[in-house]
Amino acid sequence: MLLLTTTGAKSGQPRVTPMMYLPDDDHLIVLASHAGAVSHPDWYHNLVAHPQVTVEARGETYAATATVTEGMERQRLWTIVVAQYPFFTAHQAKITRQIPLIILSRREGSEAV
């Protein structure tokens, strides 16, 4: 689990959300599956509006940049995700929206707090 702090898209206030993640090289991957709900979770809208986030994971807290994946990169990550967690296939099957996969990259110069 990690704690993701985003900035509210409308409020501008910090919002902390616990979620699962998958490591991918030196990045972390999170999914905006919303357990297969028809709409994206609020935290997803927040990071699209304000991609500078804070991550608490693996005993560290650091500034990161959130990037929504597309195309071949999204497909590569989706393959990894469903191989480890097949239930995400069921989440995707019950909705028409594509579940966003987001890369969290530590910002350069961002040391653990």
C-alpha atoms as a PDB file:
ATOM      1  CA  MET A   1       0.000   0.000   0.000  1.00  0.00           C
ATOM      2  CA  LEU A   2       0.980   3.612  -0.517  1.00  0.00           C
ATOM      3  CA  LEU A   3      -0.459   6.956   0.481  1.00  0.00           C
ATOM      4  CA  LEU A   4      -0.914   9.351  -2.424  1.00  0.00           C
ATOM      5  CA  THR A   5      -1.361  13.036  -1.652  1.00  0.00           C
ATOM      6  CA  THR A   6      -2.950  14.972  -4.488  1.00  0.00           C
ATOM      7  CA  THR A   7      -4.153  18.547  -4.716  1.00  0.00           C
ATOM      8  CA  GLY A   8      -7.921  18.837  -5.068  1.00  0.00           C
ATOM      9  CA  ALA A   9      -8.866  19.742  -8.646  1.00  0.00           C
ATOM     10  CA  LYS A  10     -11.553  22.155  -7.444  1.00  0.00           C
ATOM     11  CA  SER A  11     -10.657  22.895  -3.827  1.00  0.00           C
ATOM     12  CA  GLY A  12      -6.868  23.175  -4.124  1.00  0.00           C
ATOM     13  CA  GLN A  13      -6.663  21.360  -0.777  1.00  0.00           C
ATOM     14  CA  PRO A  14      -4.409  18.349  -0.143  1.00  0.00           C
ATOM     15  CA  ARG A  15      -6.188  14.976  -0.363  1.00  0.00           C
ATOM     16  CA  VAL A  16      -4.618  11.744   0.912  1.00  0.00           C
ATOM     17  CA  THR A  17      -5.706   8.419  -0.578  1.00  0.00           C
ATOM     18  CA  PRO A  18      -4.428   4.950   0.367  1.00  0.00           C
ATOM     19  CA  MET A  19      -4.066   2.563  -2.569  1.00  0.00           C
ATOM     20  CA  MET A  20      -2.248  -0.464  -3.857  1.00  0.00           C
ATOM     21  CA  TYR A  21       0.642  -0.076  -6.249  1.00  0.00           C
ATOM     22  CA  LEU A  22       2.989  -2.117  -8.373  1.00  0.00           C
ATOM     23  CA  PRO A  23       6.694  -1.378  -8.708  1.00  0.00           C
ATOM     24  CA  ASP A  24       8.052  -0.964 -12.254  1.00  0.00           C
ATOM     25  CA  ASP A  25      11.784  -0.343 -12.353  1.00  0.00           C
ATOM     26  CA  ASP A  26      12.291   2.896 -10.399  1.00  0.00           C
ATOM     27  CA  HIS A  27       8.649   3.986 -10.738  1.00  0.00           C
ATOM     28  CA  LEU A  28       5.424   3.021  -9.003  1.00  0.00           C
ATOM     29  CA  ILE A  29       2.246   2.194 -10.920  1.00  0.00           C
ATOM     30  CA  VAL A  30      -1.255   2.918  -9.593  1.00  0.00           C
ATOM     31  CA  LEU A  31      -4.610   2.121 -11.196  1.00  0.00           C
ATOM     32  CA  ALA A  32      -7.710   4.294 -11.235  1.00  0.00           C
ATOM     33  CA  SER A  33      -9.986   1.255 -11.344  1.00  0.00           C
ATOM     34  CA  HIS A  34     -12.392   2.547  -8.683  1.00  0.00           C
ATOM     35  CA  ALA A  35     -13.267  -1.152  -8.200  1.00  0.00           C
ATOM     36  CA  GLY A  36     -14.873  -1.182 -11.638  1.00  0.00           C
ATOM     37  CA  ALA A  37     -17.125   1.847 -11.069  1.00  0.00           C
ATOM     38  CA  VAL A  38     -18.445   3.673 -14.135  1.00  0.00           C
ATOM     39  CA  SER A  39     -16.525   6.869 -13.269  1.00  0.00           C
ATOM     40  CA  HIS A  40     -12.918   7.609 -12.417  1.00  0.00           C
ATOM     41  CA  PRO A  41     -12.088   8.110  -8.720  1.00  0.00           C
ATOM     42  CA  ASP A  42     -11.728  11.678  -7.421  1.00  0.00           C
ATOM     43  CA  TRP A  43      -7.995  11.277  -6.834  1.00  0.00           C
ATOM     44  CA  TYR A  44      -7.536  10.590 -10.563  1.00  0.00           C
ATOM     45  CA  HIS A  45      -9.193  13.907 -11.518  1.00  0.00           C
ATOM     46  CA  ASN A  46      -6.992  15.616  -8.927  1.00  0.00           C
ATOM     47  CA  LEU A  47      -3.719  14.309 -10.342  1.00  0.00           C
ATOM     48  CA  VAL A  48      -4.760  15.060 -13.921  1.00  0.00           C
ATOM     49  CA  ALA A  49      -5.365  18.671 -12.852  1.00  0.00           C
ATOM     50  CA  HIS A  50      -2.252  18.779 -10.633  1.00  0.00           C
ATOM     51  CA  PRO A  51       0.290  16.039 -11.543  1.00  0.00           C
ATOM     52  CA  GLN A  52       2.728  17.063  -8.801  1.00  0.00           C
ATOM     53  CA  VAL A  53       1.944  14.648  -5.958  1.00  0.00           C
ATOM     54  CA  THR A  54       3.470  13.272  -2.769  1.00  0.00           C
ATOM     55  CA  VAL A  55       4.038   9.549  -2.313  1.00  0.00           C
ATOM     56  CA  GLU A  56       4.453   7.662   0.963  1.00  0.00           C
ATOM     57  CA  ALA A  57       5.657   4.137   0.224  1.00  0.00           C
ATOM     58  CA  ARG A  58       8.315   1.710   1.356  1.00  0.00           C
ATOM     59  CA  GLY A  59       9.065   3.807   4.428  1.00  0.00           C
ATOM     60  CA  GLU A  60       9.771   6.950   2.370  1.00  0.00           C
ATOM     61  CA  THR A  61       7.888  10.149   1.614  1.00  0.00           C
ATOM     62  CA  TYR A  62       8.851  12.046  -1.541  1.00  0.00           C
ATOM     63  CA  ALA A  63       7.609  14.398  -4.250  1.00  0.00           C
ATOM     64  CA  ALA A  64       6.611  12.723  -7.499  1.00  0.00           C
ATOM     65  CA  THR A  65       5.085  13.470 -10.861  1.00  0.00           C
ATOM     66  CA  ALA A  66       2.036  11.484 -11.980  1.00  0.00           C
ATOM     67  CA  THR A  67       1.801  10.566 -15.665  1.00  0.00           C
ATOM     68  CA  VAL A  68      -1.252   8.876 -17.154  1.00  0.00           C
ATOM     69  CA  THR A  69      -0.039   6.205 -19.562  1.00  0.00           C
ATOM     70  CA  GLU A  70      -1.282   5.746 -23.111  1.00  0.00           C
ATOM     71  CA  GLY A  71      -0.768   3.472 -26.088  1.00  0.00           C
ATOM     72  CA  MET A  72       1.959   0.838 -26.011  1.00  0.00           C
ATOM     73  CA  GLU A  73       3.224   1.880 -22.570  1.00  0.00           C
ATOM     74  CA  ARG A  74      -0.251   1.441 -21.071  1.00  0.00           C
ATOM     75  CA  GLN A  75      -0.621  -1.947 -22.776  1.00  0.00           C
ATOM     76  CA  ARG A  76       2.793  -3.087 -21.456  1.00  0.00           C
ATOM     77  CA  LEU A  77       1.816  -2.127 -17.919  1.00  0.00           C
ATOM     78  CA  TRP A  78      -1.706  -3.570 -18.213  1.00  0.00           C
ATOM     79  CA  THR A  79      -0.162  -6.945 -19.130  1.00  0.00           C
ATOM     80  CA  ILE A  80       1.999  -6.808 -15.990  1.00  0.00           C
ATOM     81  CA  VAL A  81      -0.928  -5.737 -13.803  1.00  0.00           C
ATOM     82  CA  VAL A  82      -3.357  -8.465 -14.892  1.00  0.00           C
ATOM     83  CA  ALA A  83      -0.658 -11.145 -14.704  1.00  0.00           C
ATOM     84  CA  GLN A  84      -0.213 -10.317 -11.008  1.00  0.00           C
ATOM     85  CA  TYR A  85      -3.796  -9.285 -10.200  1.00  0.00           C
ATOM     86  CA  PRO A  86      -6.273 -10.956 -12.580  1.00  0.00           C
ATOM     87  CA  PHE A  87      -9.285  -9.392 -10.805  1.00  0.00           C
ATOM     88  CA  PHE A  88      -8.549  -6.150 -12.668  1.00  0.00           C
ATOM     89  CA  THR A  89      -9.692  -7.920 -15.844  1.00  0.00           C
ATOM     90  CA  ALA A  90     -13.139  -8.331 -14.245  1.00  0.00           C
ATOM     91  CA  HIS A  91     -13.153  -4.661 -13.215  1.00  0.00           C
ATOM     92  CA  GLN A  92     -12.410  -3.628 -16.804  1.00  0.00           C
ATOM     93  CA  ALA A  93     -14.973  -6.039 -18.280  1.00  0.00           C
ATOM     94  CA  LYS A  94     -17.889  -4.491 -16.410  1.00  0.00           C
ATOM     95  CA  ILE A  95     -17.289  -0.882 -17.544  1.00  0.00           C
ATOM     96  CA  THR A  96     -16.900   0.987 -20.831  1.00  0.00           C
ATOM     97  CA  ARG A  97     -14.241   3.456 -19.649  1.00  0.00           C
ATOM     98  CA  GLN A  98     -10.625   2.346 -19.908  1.00  0.00           C
ATOM     99  CA  ILE A  99      -9.029   1.989 -16.470  1.00  0.00           C
ATOM    100  CA  PRO A 100      -6.211   4.543 -16.303  1.00  0.00           C
ATOM    101  CA  LEU A 101      -2.740   3.368 -15.325  1.00  0.00           C
ATOM    102  CA  ILE A 102      -0.588   6.059 -13.770  1.00  0.00           C
ATOM    103  CA  ILE A 103       3.193   6.135 -13.398  1.00  0.00           C
ATOM    104  CA  LEU A 104       4.494   7.874 -10.274  1.00  0.00           C
ATOM    105  CA  SER A 105       8.038   9.119 -10.872  1.00  0.00           C
ATOM    106  CA  ARG A 106      10.161  10.564  -8.108  1.00  0.00           C
ATOM    107  CA  ARG A 107      10.944  14.163  -8.977  1.00  0.00           C
ATOM    108  CA  GLU A 108      14.594  14.812  -9.550  1.00  0.00           C
ATOM    109  CA  GLY A 109      16.223  16.178  -6.434  1.00  0.00           C
ATOM    110  CA  SER A 110      13.372  14.916  -4.240  1.00  0.00           C
ATOM    111  CA  GLU A 111      14.955  13.220  -1.292  1.00  0.00           C
ATOM    112  CA  ALA A 112      12.990  11.064   1.098  1.00  0.00           C
ATOM    113  CA  VAL A 113      11.522  12.994   4.013  1.00  0.00           C
END
